[in-house]
Amino acid sequence: MSAYERITMSLREVDRLKVIQAVTEGFLTPTRAAQRLQLSTRQVHRLVQRYRDAGVSGLTSRKRGQPSNHQLRPGLEQRAAALIRQHYQDFGPTLAAEKLVECHGLRLAKETVRRIMMDAGLWTPRRQRPPKVYQPRNRRACLGELIQIDGSDHRWFEDRAPACTLLVYIDDATSRLMHLAFTRSESTFSYFQATRAYLEHHGKPLALYSDKASVFRVNNKDAQGGAGHTHFARAMFELNIDTFCANSSQAKGRVERAHLTLQDRLVKELRLRHISTVEAANAYLPLFMVDYNRRFAKPPRSDFDSHRPIRGDEDLTLIFTWREPRRVSKSLTLQYDKRLFVLHDTPQTRALAGRYAEIYHYPDGQIEVRSEGAALPYGILDQLPEVNQGAIVDNKRLGHVLQVAQRMQEQRDSRRSQAVPGNPKPTKAQRQEPPKKKAKEFMPEDILAALQQGSLPKRSRHASIDQR
């Protein structure tokens, strides 16, 4: 048996041991020892007596090795860890603690949940993450003085649906979510629809703060037309709403940090409610915004609301349109999106020959030709007609000719203009296909190849008689 006993002591206890030893050996008075240890003199006498009775072990903490008075009930920590691992593995500690109370009746402090998740390897402490640097900027004073807008492309429905974009409108003064909208992608039309819904609900803010996406800023130095403004910027100018573009993501950090919170909380809420479509998610967003603002919104420095009402002469339907100038030919036609618009022959349209009219393309797909504020009647000649199989069957005499035309159309680039909003963008599979030719690029050799793909039909006796 060893003659030595191992005793574990903290540095503070080691310092206390040296002072108590000095008191017992007469090198230090109890009063001086109490001042050095920041204890009362009576406590120093107690420590001296414990040292004389039990030796060095008498100065160690008597709580060491004993169960804590604040420990959790047996099995509670294991149950919480199992629930988090099963249902809330990618939740943050605060959100996981809230869901444990709401869904399972398990009331634990968020720091306790944080420790449980750290012990289980489900959470990394913030100190162990790489540091983030943000430029400080004072908040605006009033609600509606500055609205930060941005889109977040994310798998909001996880594996239940394709990825989509969430348009976020957040107030700079209060960090309050003003408007949310799910859409297929960030486009001019999607921002038109979201901004119109915002204006109809809240009114006109003083300014919008965005990034330098092509929706808000002309990034092409050689752009023709538009006077250096995008269609969205033109619409905001007509509504007397200022627009600013941030030079960095940190400059509009309020909406960027909101993206991180939404990508955490909103994804989980959609999962718990079994929401897997954009329509159902948009219907749920108002309820989510109320709960979000209750938790995270800040009071403004001023109670004044900077939103302005929409004036009676501001027609939002006309303002939120994609506008393109087109020259009217002598035959009263103009082209847009590979379509030929034929204006009705009227005195008003005849006066436009050789002049410019404007195409108004609405978010719902409607197209108008307008001049001096009036809509002009027109017809459309599609420059990308298609021959279907039904036409080949119905037209027996022209069946072979229509088949040749169909083969030519299969080799033709039938995509609409990519510069027009709302037109579908080519998919990854379509981009990998061999390039197709435009109609004006076809040569006689292409027509000959289409004729050789199928043999000419045999002329029947009755057909010969009819042709005679």
Protein backbone atom coordinates (compact mmCIF):
# COMPACT_ATOMS: atom_id res chain seq x y z
CA MET A 1 0.00 0.00 0.00
CA SER A 2 1.34 3.44 -0.96
CA ALA A 3 2.32 5.79 1.86
CA TYR A 4 1.25 8.77 -0.18
CA GLU A 5 -2.28 10.05 -0.83
CA ARG A 6 -3.12 11.91 -4.00
CA ILE A 7 -5.12 15.12 -3.42
CA THR A 8 -6.45 17.28 -6.27
CA MET A 9 -6.43 21.01 -5.57
CA SER A 10 -7.06 24.14 -7.62
CA LEU A 11 -4.53 26.98 -7.80
CA ARG A 12 -6.69 29.02 -5.46
CA GLU A 13 -6.67 26.20 -2.90
CA VAL A 14 -2.87 25.87 -3.20
CA ASP A 15 -2.47 29.58 -2.39
CA ARG A 16 -4.82 29.18 0.55
CA LEU A 17 -2.73 26.20 1.79
CA LYS A 18 0.48 28.27 1.82
CA VAL A 19 -1.19 31.07 3.80
CA ILE A 20 -2.75 28.68 6.36
CA GLN A 21 0.61 26.91 6.80
CA ALA A 22 2.23 30.27 7.48
CA VAL A 23 -0.41 30.98 10.15
CA THR A 24 0.05 27.60 11.88
CA GLU A 25 3.85 28.07 11.93
CA GLY A 26 3.54 31.56 13.43
CA PHE A 27 4.94 33.48 10.42
CA LEU A 28 1.61 35.23 9.71
CA THR A 29 -1.18 36.55 11.93
CA PRO A 30 -4.80 35.52 11.30
CA THR A 31 -5.73 39.15 10.61
CA ARG A 32 -3.10 39.52 7.87
CA ALA A 33 -4.09 36.11 6.46
CA ALA A 34 -7.76 37.19 6.31
CA GLN A 35 -6.77 40.35 4.38
CA ARG A 36 -4.65 38.36 1.94
CA LEU A 37 -7.31 35.70 1.33
CA GLN A 38 -10.17 38.26 1.39
CA LEU A 39 -11.94 36.27 4.11
CA SER A 40 -13.12 37.04 7.62
CA THR A 41 -10.84 36.34 10.59
CA ARG A 42 -13.28 33.77 11.98
CA GLN A 43 -13.16 31.88 8.66
CA VAL A 44 -9.35 31.85 8.82
CA HIS A 45 -9.54 30.32 12.32
CA ARG A 46 -11.91 27.65 10.97
CA LEU A 47 -9.50 26.82 8.12
CA VAL A 48 -6.58 26.60 10.55
CA GLN A 49 -8.52 24.16 12.73
CA ARG A 50 -9.48 22.05 9.69
CA TYR A 51 -5.86 21.96 8.59
CA ARG A 52 -4.73 20.77 12.04
CA ASP A 53 -7.44 18.08 12.17
CA ALA A 54 -7.41 16.73 8.57
CA GLY A 55 -4.20 18.06 7.08
CA VAL A 56 -4.06 19.24 3.46
CA SER A 57 -7.32 17.49 2.52
CA GLY A 58 -9.19 19.66 5.03
CA LEU A 59 -8.63 22.73 2.85
CA THR A 60 -10.12 21.26 -0.33
CA SER A 61 -13.73 21.94 -1.31
CA ARG A 62 -16.16 19.60 0.39
CA LYS A 63 -18.46 19.81 -2.66
CA ARG A 64 -15.93 18.04 -4.83
CA GLY A 65 -17.20 14.60 -5.83
CA GLN A 66 -20.73 15.32 -4.57
CA PRO A 67 -23.79 15.60 -6.88
CA SER A 68 -24.80 19.13 -7.82
CA ASN A 69 -27.86 20.72 -6.25
CA HIS A 70 -28.92 21.97 -9.72
CA GLN A 71 -28.49 18.77 -11.69
CA LEU A 72 -31.23 17.53 -14.02
CA ARG A 73 -33.51 14.67 -13.10
CA PRO A 74 -32.09 11.24 -13.93
CA GLY A 75 -32.69 10.40 -17.59
CA LEU A 76 -33.91 13.90 -18.57
CA GLU A 77 -30.69 14.87 -20.32
CA GLN A 78 -30.60 11.60 -22.24
CA ARG A 79 -34.22 12.06 -23.33
CA ALA A 80 -33.58 15.63 -24.48
CA ALA A 81 -30.47 14.55 -26.40
CA ALA A 82 -32.41 11.75 -28.12
CA LEU A 83 -35.24 14.11 -29.14
CA ILE A 84 -32.79 16.69 -30.49
CA ARG A 85 -30.88 14.06 -32.42
CA GLN A 86 -34.09 12.64 -33.89
CA HIS A 87 -36.08 15.81 -34.72
CA TYR A 88 -33.89 18.91 -34.33
CA GLN A 89 -30.42 17.81 -35.33
CA ASP A 90 -29.74 20.92 -37.43
CA PHE A 91 -31.58 23.37 -35.12
CA GLY A 92 -29.81 26.03 -33.09
CA PRO A 93 -29.92 25.76 -29.26
CA THR A 94 -32.46 28.58 -28.85
CA LEU A 95 -34.87 27.20 -31.46
CA ALA A 96 -34.38 23.64 -30.23
CA ALA A 97 -35.21 24.72 -26.65
CA GLU A 98 -38.39 26.42 -27.89
CA LYS A 99 -39.49 23.33 -29.83
CA LEU A 100 -38.78 21.02 -26.89
CA VAL A 101 -41.24 23.09 -24.84
CA GLU A 102 -43.87 23.50 -27.58
CA CYS A 103 -43.86 19.97 -28.98
CA HIS A 104 -42.65 17.73 -26.12
CA GLY A 105 -43.32 19.65 -22.89
CA LEU A 106 -39.62 19.58 -21.99
CA ARG A 107 -38.70 22.91 -20.38
CA LEU A 108 -34.93 23.39 -20.39
CA ALA A 109 -32.84 26.53 -20.40
CA LYS A 110 -31.34 27.35 -23.76
CA GLU A 111 -27.84 27.20 -22.27
CA THR A 112 -28.59 23.72 -20.96
CA VAL A 113 -29.71 22.71 -24.45
CA ARG A 114 -26.57 24.31 -25.85
CA ARG A 115 -24.39 22.21 -23.50
CA ILE A 116 -26.32 19.04 -24.37
CA MET A 117 -25.90 19.70 -28.09
CA MET A 118 -22.20 20.49 -27.66
CA ASP A 119 -21.65 17.25 -25.73
CA ALA A 120 -23.50 15.35 -28.48
CA GLY A 121 -21.45 17.03 -31.22
CA LEU A 122 -24.49 18.77 -32.72
CA TRP A 123 -23.36 22.35 -32.07
CA THR A 124 -20.06 24.15 -32.49
CA PRO A 125 -19.36 26.98 -30.01
CA ARG A 126 -19.21 30.39 -31.62
CA ARG A 127 -15.69 30.95 -30.27
CA GLN A 128 -14.44 28.05 -32.37
CA ARG A 129 -15.83 29.53 -35.59
CA PRO A 130 -13.83 31.88 -37.81
CA PRO A 131 -14.38 35.52 -36.85
CA LYS A 132 -16.74 37.72 -38.87
CA VAL A 133 -16.17 41.40 -39.40
CA TYR A 134 -19.05 43.81 -40.05
CA GLN A 135 -18.86 47.55 -40.57
CA PRO A 136 -20.96 49.34 -37.93
CA ARG A 137 -23.65 51.73 -39.07
CA ASN A 138 -26.35 53.50 -37.09
CA ARG A 139 -29.91 52.43 -37.68
CA ARG A 140 -32.32 54.83 -39.34
CA ALA A 141 -34.61 56.60 -36.92
CA CYS A 142 -38.08 55.95 -38.39
CA LEU A 143 -40.05 53.02 -39.72
CA GLY A 144 -40.10 53.08 -43.51
CA GLU A 145 -37.15 55.43 -43.84
CA LEU A 146 -34.95 52.73 -45.39
CA ILE A 147 -36.05 49.24 -46.48
CA GLN A 148 -33.36 46.66 -47.27
CA ILE A 149 -34.40 44.23 -50.00
CA ASP A 150 -32.69 41.09 -51.22
CA GLY A 151 -33.42 37.60 -52.49
CA SER A 152 -32.18 34.38 -50.91
CA ASP A 153 -31.85 31.37 -53.22
CA HIS A 154 -32.03 28.29 -51.01
CA ARG A 155 -33.57 24.84 -50.73
CA TRP A 156 -36.38 26.15 -48.55
CA PHE A 157 -38.36 22.91 -48.89
CA GLU A 158 -35.20 20.75 -48.54
CA ASP A 159 -35.66 17.58 -50.65
CA ARG A 160 -39.44 17.93 -50.90
CA ALA A 161 -39.36 20.46 -53.76
CA PRO A 162 -36.84 22.24 -56.01
CA ALA A 163 -34.87 25.21 -54.75
CA CYS A 164 -36.54 28.61 -55.02
CA THR A 165 -35.96 32.22 -53.96
CA LEU A 166 -37.34 34.12 -50.99
CA LEU A 167 -37.64 37.90 -51.48
CA VAL A 168 -37.07 39.69 -48.18
CA TYR A 169 -38.07 43.27 -47.29
CA ILE A 170 -36.73 44.32 -43.87
CA ASP A 171 -36.90 47.70 -42.16
CA ASP A 172 -33.52 49.21 -41.25
CA ALA A 173 -34.77 51.07 -38.17
CA THR A 174 -36.48 48.14 -36.45
CA SER A 175 -35.20 44.91 -38.12
CA ARG A 176 -38.86 44.17 -38.71
CA LEU A 177 -39.85 41.90 -41.59
CA MET A 178 -42.11 44.03 -43.77
CA HIS A 179 -42.78 41.58 -46.61
CA LEU A 180 -41.78 38.06 -47.67
CA ALA A 181 -42.56 36.31 -50.93
CA PHE A 182 -41.47 33.00 -52.43
CA THR A 183 -40.76 33.08 -56.16
CA ARG A 184 -39.04 30.95 -58.75
CA SER A 185 -36.02 33.26 -59.08
CA GLU A 186 -34.90 36.85 -58.67
CA SER A 187 -36.26 38.72 -61.67
CA THR A 188 -37.71 42.09 -62.51
CA PHE A 189 -41.24 40.72 -62.63
CA SER A 190 -40.90 38.95 -59.27
CA TYR A 191 -39.68 42.18 -57.65
CA PHE A 192 -42.50 44.08 -59.40
CA GLN A 193 -45.10 41.79 -57.84
CA ALA A 194 -43.49 41.74 -54.38
CA THR A 195 -42.95 45.51 -54.27
CA ARG A 196 -46.51 46.19 -55.39
CA ALA A 197 -47.83 43.95 -52.60
CA TYR A 198 -45.60 45.83 -50.14
CA LEU A 199 -46.83 49.25 -51.32
CA GLU A 200 -50.48 48.25 -51.19
CA HIS A 201 -50.05 47.03 -47.60
CA HIS A 202 -47.68 49.59 -46.07
CA GLY A 203 -47.44 52.54 -48.45
CA LYS A 204 -44.36 54.04 -50.11
CA PRO A 205 -41.07 54.01 -48.13
CA LEU A 206 -38.53 56.78 -48.53
CA ALA A 207 -35.78 54.55 -49.96
CA LEU A 208 -34.89 50.97 -50.89
CA TYR A 209 -31.42 49.53 -50.24
CA SER A 210 -30.32 46.61 -52.44
CA ASP A 211 -27.26 44.92 -53.90
CA LYS A 212 -25.87 45.53 -57.39
CA ALA A 213 -27.89 42.85 -59.14
CA SER A 214 -28.95 43.58 -62.70
CA VAL A 215 -32.54 44.07 -61.52
CA PHE A 216 -31.51 47.24 -59.65
CA ARG A 217 -28.44 48.48 -61.54
CA VAL A 218 -27.23 48.53 -65.15
CA ASN A 219 -23.97 46.56 -64.97
CA ASN A 220 -23.29 46.54 -68.72
CA LYS A 221 -21.19 49.56 -69.62
CA ASP A 222 -22.17 49.25 -73.29
CA ALA A 223 -25.91 49.04 -72.63
CA GLN A 224 -28.08 50.72 -75.25
CA GLY A 225 -31.12 52.68 -74.10
CA GLY A 226 -32.70 52.95 -70.69
CA ALA A 227 -30.73 56.12 -69.83
CA GLY A 228 -28.63 54.05 -67.42
CA HIS A 229 -31.66 52.91 -65.40
CA THR A 230 -33.22 49.48 -65.07
CA HIS A 231 -36.96 48.91 -65.35
CA PHE A 232 -37.19 48.53 -61.57
CA ALA A 233 -35.27 51.78 -60.99
CA ARG A 234 -37.54 53.55 -63.49
CA ALA A 235 -40.63 52.32 -61.63
CA MET A 236 -39.23 53.51 -58.30
CA PHE A 237 -38.40 56.90 -59.84
CA GLU A 238 -42.00 57.30 -61.01
CA LEU A 239 -43.15 56.50 -57.45
CA ASN A 240 -40.65 58.96 -55.93
CA ILE A 241 -38.80 56.21 -54.02
CA ASP A 242 -35.03 56.51 -53.81
CA THR A 243 -32.90 53.45 -54.58
CA PHE A 244 -29.38 52.76 -53.31
CA CYS A 245 -27.02 49.90 -54.15
CA ALA A 246 -24.64 48.53 -51.50
CA ASN A 247 -20.98 48.06 -52.33
CA SER A 248 -20.70 44.92 -50.18
CA SER A 249 -22.82 42.34 -48.40
CA GLN A 250 -21.69 43.71 -45.03
CA ALA A 251 -23.11 47.14 -45.91
CA LYS A 252 -26.62 45.65 -45.96
CA GLY A 253 -25.90 43.29 -43.10
CA ARG A 254 -29.37 43.55 -41.62
CA VAL A 255 -31.01 41.69 -44.48
CA GLU A 256 -28.02 39.34 -44.82
CA ARG A 257 -28.29 38.31 -41.17
CA ALA A 258 -32.04 37.92 -41.63
CA HIS A 259 -31.29 35.42 -44.43
CA LEU A 260 -29.29 33.27 -42.01
CA THR A 261 -32.09 33.32 -39.44
CA LEU A 262 -34.74 32.56 -42.06
CA GLN A 263 -32.70 29.73 -43.59
CA ASP A 264 -32.61 28.21 -40.11
CA ARG A 265 -36.03 28.90 -38.62
CA LEU A 266 -38.28 29.12 -41.68
CA VAL A 267 -36.96 25.87 -43.18
CA LYS A 268 -37.74 24.04 -39.94
CA GLU A 269 -41.18 25.61 -39.63
CA LEU A 270 -42.05 24.57 -43.20
CA ARG A 271 -40.86 21.06 -42.45
CA LEU A 272 -42.86 20.78 -39.22
CA ARG A 273 -46.01 21.99 -41.02
CA HIS A 274 -45.45 19.67 -44.02
CA ILE A 275 -45.43 22.60 -46.47
CA SER A 276 -43.86 21.69 -49.81
CA THR A 277 -45.28 24.15 -52.36
CA VAL A 278 -44.66 27.82 -53.03
CA GLU A 279 -48.38 28.61 -52.83
CA ALA A 280 -48.80 27.01 -49.40
CA ALA A 281 -45.58 28.64 -48.16
CA ASN A 282 -46.72 32.11 -49.30
CA ALA A 283 -50.00 31.57 -47.46
CA TYR A 284 -48.09 30.72 -44.25
CA LEU A 285 -45.60 33.63 -44.45
CA PRO A 286 -47.84 36.30 -42.78
CA LEU A 287 -48.23 34.10 -39.70
CA PHE A 288 -44.48 33.46 -39.60
CA MET A 289 -43.71 37.19 -39.90
CA VAL A 290 -45.86 37.99 -36.86
CA ASP A 291 -43.96 35.49 -34.72
CA TYR A 292 -40.57 36.61 -36.12
CA ASN A 293 -41.23 40.29 -35.47
CA ARG A 294 -42.45 39.55 -31.97
CA ARG A 295 -39.14 37.88 -31.17
CA PHE A 296 -36.57 39.98 -33.04
CA ALA A 297 -38.01 43.40 -33.97
CA LYS A 298 -36.54 46.45 -32.19
CA PRO A 299 -38.37 49.66 -31.25
CA PRO A 300 -37.46 52.64 -33.48
CA ARG A 301 -35.87 55.78 -32.10
CA SER A 302 -38.81 57.79 -33.44
CA ASP A 303 -42.48 56.83 -33.52
CA PHE A 304 -43.01 58.63 -36.85
CA ASP A 305 -43.98 56.36 -39.76
CA SER A 306 -42.19 57.47 -42.95
CA HIS A 307 -44.44 55.51 -45.29
CA ARG A 308 -46.45 57.67 -47.71
CA PRO A 309 -49.83 56.80 -49.23
CA ILE A 310 -50.13 56.01 -52.94
CA ARG A 311 -51.50 58.98 -54.85
CA GLY A 312 -54.58 58.69 -56.99
CA ASP A 313 -52.66 59.40 -60.19
CA GLU A 314 -50.14 56.61 -59.55
CA ASP A 315 -51.42 53.58 -61.45
CA LEU A 316 -49.37 50.67 -60.10
CA THR A 317 -50.52 48.42 -62.94
CA LEU A 318 -48.94 50.74 -65.52
CA ILE A 319 -45.89 51.60 -63.43
CA PHE A 320 -44.83 48.01 -62.75
CA THR A 321 -44.35 47.05 -66.41
CA TRP A 322 -41.41 46.11 -68.60
CA ARG A 323 -41.19 48.79 -71.30
CA GLU A 324 -39.39 48.55 -74.62
CA PRO A 325 -39.42 51.19 -77.40
CA ARG A 326 -40.03 49.79 -80.90
CA ARG A 327 -39.99 51.52 -84.27
CA VAL A 328 -43.21 51.26 -86.27
CA SER A 329 -42.60 50.32 -89.90
CA LYS A 330 -44.39 51.77 -92.90
CA SER A 331 -46.60 48.67 -92.94
CA LEU A 332 -47.63 49.48 -89.32
CA THR A 333 -45.74 46.54 -87.79
CA LEU A 334 -43.18 46.22 -85.00
CA GLN A 335 -41.25 43.29 -83.53
CA TYR A 336 -40.92 42.11 -79.94
CA ASP A 337 -39.91 38.74 -78.50
CA LYS A 338 -39.73 37.11 -81.96
CA ARG A 339 -43.32 38.15 -82.64
CA LEU A 340 -44.60 40.54 -85.30
CA PHE A 341 -47.21 42.97 -83.95
CA VAL A 342 -49.49 44.28 -86.70
CA LEU A 343 -51.24 47.51 -85.71
CA HIS A 344 -54.77 48.06 -86.90
CA ASP A 345 -54.98 50.57 -89.74
CA THR A 346 -56.36 53.72 -88.08
CA PRO A 347 -55.49 57.42 -88.45
CA GLN A 348 -53.73 57.29 -85.10
CA THR A 349 -51.52 54.33 -86.04
CA ARG A 350 -50.78 55.76 -89.51
CA ALA A 351 -49.31 58.82 -87.81
CA LEU A 352 -46.85 56.52 -86.00
CA ALA A 353 -45.25 55.15 -89.19
CA GLY A 354 -41.50 55.71 -88.89
CA ARG A 355 -41.83 56.75 -85.23
CA TYR A 356 -41.45 54.87 -81.94
CA ALA A 357 -44.15 53.20 -79.86
CA GLU A 358 -43.69 51.51 -76.49
CA ILE A 359 -44.28 47.87 -75.65
CA TYR A 360 -45.79 47.45 -72.16
CA HIS A 361 -45.14 43.91 -70.90
CA TYR A 362 -47.10 43.18 -67.69
CA PRO A 363 -46.05 40.60 -65.05
CA ASP A 364 -49.12 38.48 -65.85
CA GLY A 365 -47.94 38.09 -69.49
CA GLN A 366 -50.26 40.65 -71.05
CA ILE A 367 -48.66 42.87 -73.73
CA GLU A 368 -49.84 46.29 -74.86
CA VAL A 369 -48.61 48.66 -77.54
CA ARG A 370 -48.97 52.23 -76.26
CA SER A 371 -48.29 55.66 -77.64
CA GLU A 372 -48.85 58.96 -75.81
CA GLY A 373 -50.61 57.13 -72.97
CA ALA A 374 -53.14 55.30 -75.17
CA ALA A 375 -53.25 51.57 -75.95
CA LEU A 376 -53.26 50.68 -79.65
CA PRO A 377 -55.18 47.69 -81.10
CA TYR A 378 -53.07 45.09 -82.84
CA GLY A 379 -52.79 41.52 -84.06
CA ILE A 380 -49.87 39.09 -83.74
CA LEU A 381 -48.01 37.07 -86.33
CA ASP A 382 -45.83 34.53 -84.52
CA GLN A 383 -42.43 34.15 -86.16
CA LEU A 384 -41.93 30.74 -84.55
CA PRO A 385 -44.91 28.68 -85.82
CA GLU A 386 -44.99 24.98 -85.10
CA VAL A 387 -46.37 22.15 -87.24
CA ASN A 388 -48.09 19.53 -85.08
CA GLN A 389 -48.74 15.91 -85.91
CA GLY A 390 -52.47 16.53 -86.16
CA ALA A 391 -51.94 18.88 -89.10
CA ILE A 392 -49.89 16.20 -90.89
CA VAL A 393 -52.64 13.60 -90.45
CA ASP A 394 -55.46 15.93 -91.48
CA ASN A 395 -53.70 17.21 -94.61
CA LYS A 396 -53.16 13.99 -96.55
CA ARG A 397 -51.99 15.67 -99.77
CA LEU A 398 -49.47 17.86 -97.88
CA GLY A 399 -48.35 15.22 -95.38
CA HIS A 400 -44.83 14.83 -96.76
CA VAL A 401 -44.30 18.58 -97.10
CA LEU A 402 -45.42 19.18 -93.52
CA GLN A 403 -43.10 16.43 -92.30
CA VAL A 404 -40.17 18.18 -93.96
CA ALA A 405 -41.25 21.46 -92.33
CA GLN A 406 -41.43 19.68 -88.96
CA ARG A 407 -37.91 18.31 -89.39
CA MET A 408 -36.66 21.81 -90.16
CA GLN A 409 -38.37 23.16 -87.05
CA GLU A 410 -36.67 20.51 -84.90
CA GLN A 411 -33.32 21.93 -86.04
CA ARG A 412 -34.40 25.55 -85.52
CA ASP A 413 -33.69 27.57 -82.37
CA SER A 414 -37.26 28.18 -81.18
CA ARG A 415 -36.41 29.86 -77.90
CA ARG A 416 -37.95 33.22 -77.15
CA SER A 417 -35.78 36.24 -76.40
CA GLN A 418 -33.83 35.76 -73.17
CA ALA A 419 -33.83 39.54 -72.62
CA VAL A 420 -37.59 39.54 -72.05
CA PRO A 421 -38.59 38.80 -68.43
CA GLY A 422 -40.85 35.85 -67.80
CA ASN A 423 -39.45 33.71 -70.60
CA PRO A 424 -38.07 30.38 -69.32
CA LYS A 425 -34.30 30.14 -69.15
CA PRO A 426 -32.61 27.12 -70.78
CA THR A 427 -32.05 24.22 -68.43
CA LYS A 428 -28.68 22.57 -67.87
CA ALA A 429 -29.66 19.69 -70.17
CA GLN A 430 -30.75 22.11 -72.90
CA ARG A 431 -27.47 24.03 -72.65
CA GLN A 432 -25.56 20.78 -73.24
CA GLU A 433 -27.50 19.99 -76.44
CA PRO A 434 -25.90 20.78 -79.83
CA PRO A 435 -26.52 24.39 -80.85
CA LYS A 436 -29.47 25.01 -83.15
CA LYS A 437 -29.69 27.44 -86.04
CA LYS A 438 -31.79 30.53 -86.40
CA ALA A 439 -34.27 30.61 -89.29
CA LYS A 440 -32.15 32.99 -91.35
CA GLU A 441 -29.08 30.72 -90.98
CA PHE A 442 -30.61 27.74 -92.83
CA MET A 443 -28.94 26.88 -96.15
CA PRO A 444 -30.27 24.90 -99.14
CA GLU A 445 -28.16 21.94 -97.97
CA ASP A 446 -30.23 21.78 -94.75
CA ILE A 447 -33.48 21.61 -96.71
CA LEU A 448 -32.03 18.89 -98.98
CA ALA A 449 -30.99 16.85 -95.94
CA ALA A 450 -34.51 17.12 -94.51
CA LEU A 451 -35.95 15.91 -97.84
CA GLN A 452 -33.62 12.91 -97.90
CA GLN A 453 -34.62 11.79 -94.39
CA GLY A 454 -37.92 10.47 -95.75
CA SER A 455 -38.84 9.05 -99.13
CA LEU A 456 -41.38 10.84 -101.27
CA PRO A 457 -44.85 9.25 -101.10
CA LYS A 458 -45.92 7.22 -104.08
CA ARG A 459 -48.43 8.96 -106.28
CA SER A 460 -51.61 6.97 -106.58
CA ARG A 461 -53.57 6.52 -109.77
CA HIS A 462 -56.45 8.63 -108.45
CA ALA A 463 -54.05 11.40 -107.52
CA SER A 464 -52.66 11.40 -111.08
CA ILE A 465 -56.16 11.70 -112.52
CA ASP A 466 -57.00 14.52 -110.14
CA GLN A 467 -53.86 16.40 -111.05
CA ARG A 468 -54.66 16.15 -114.73
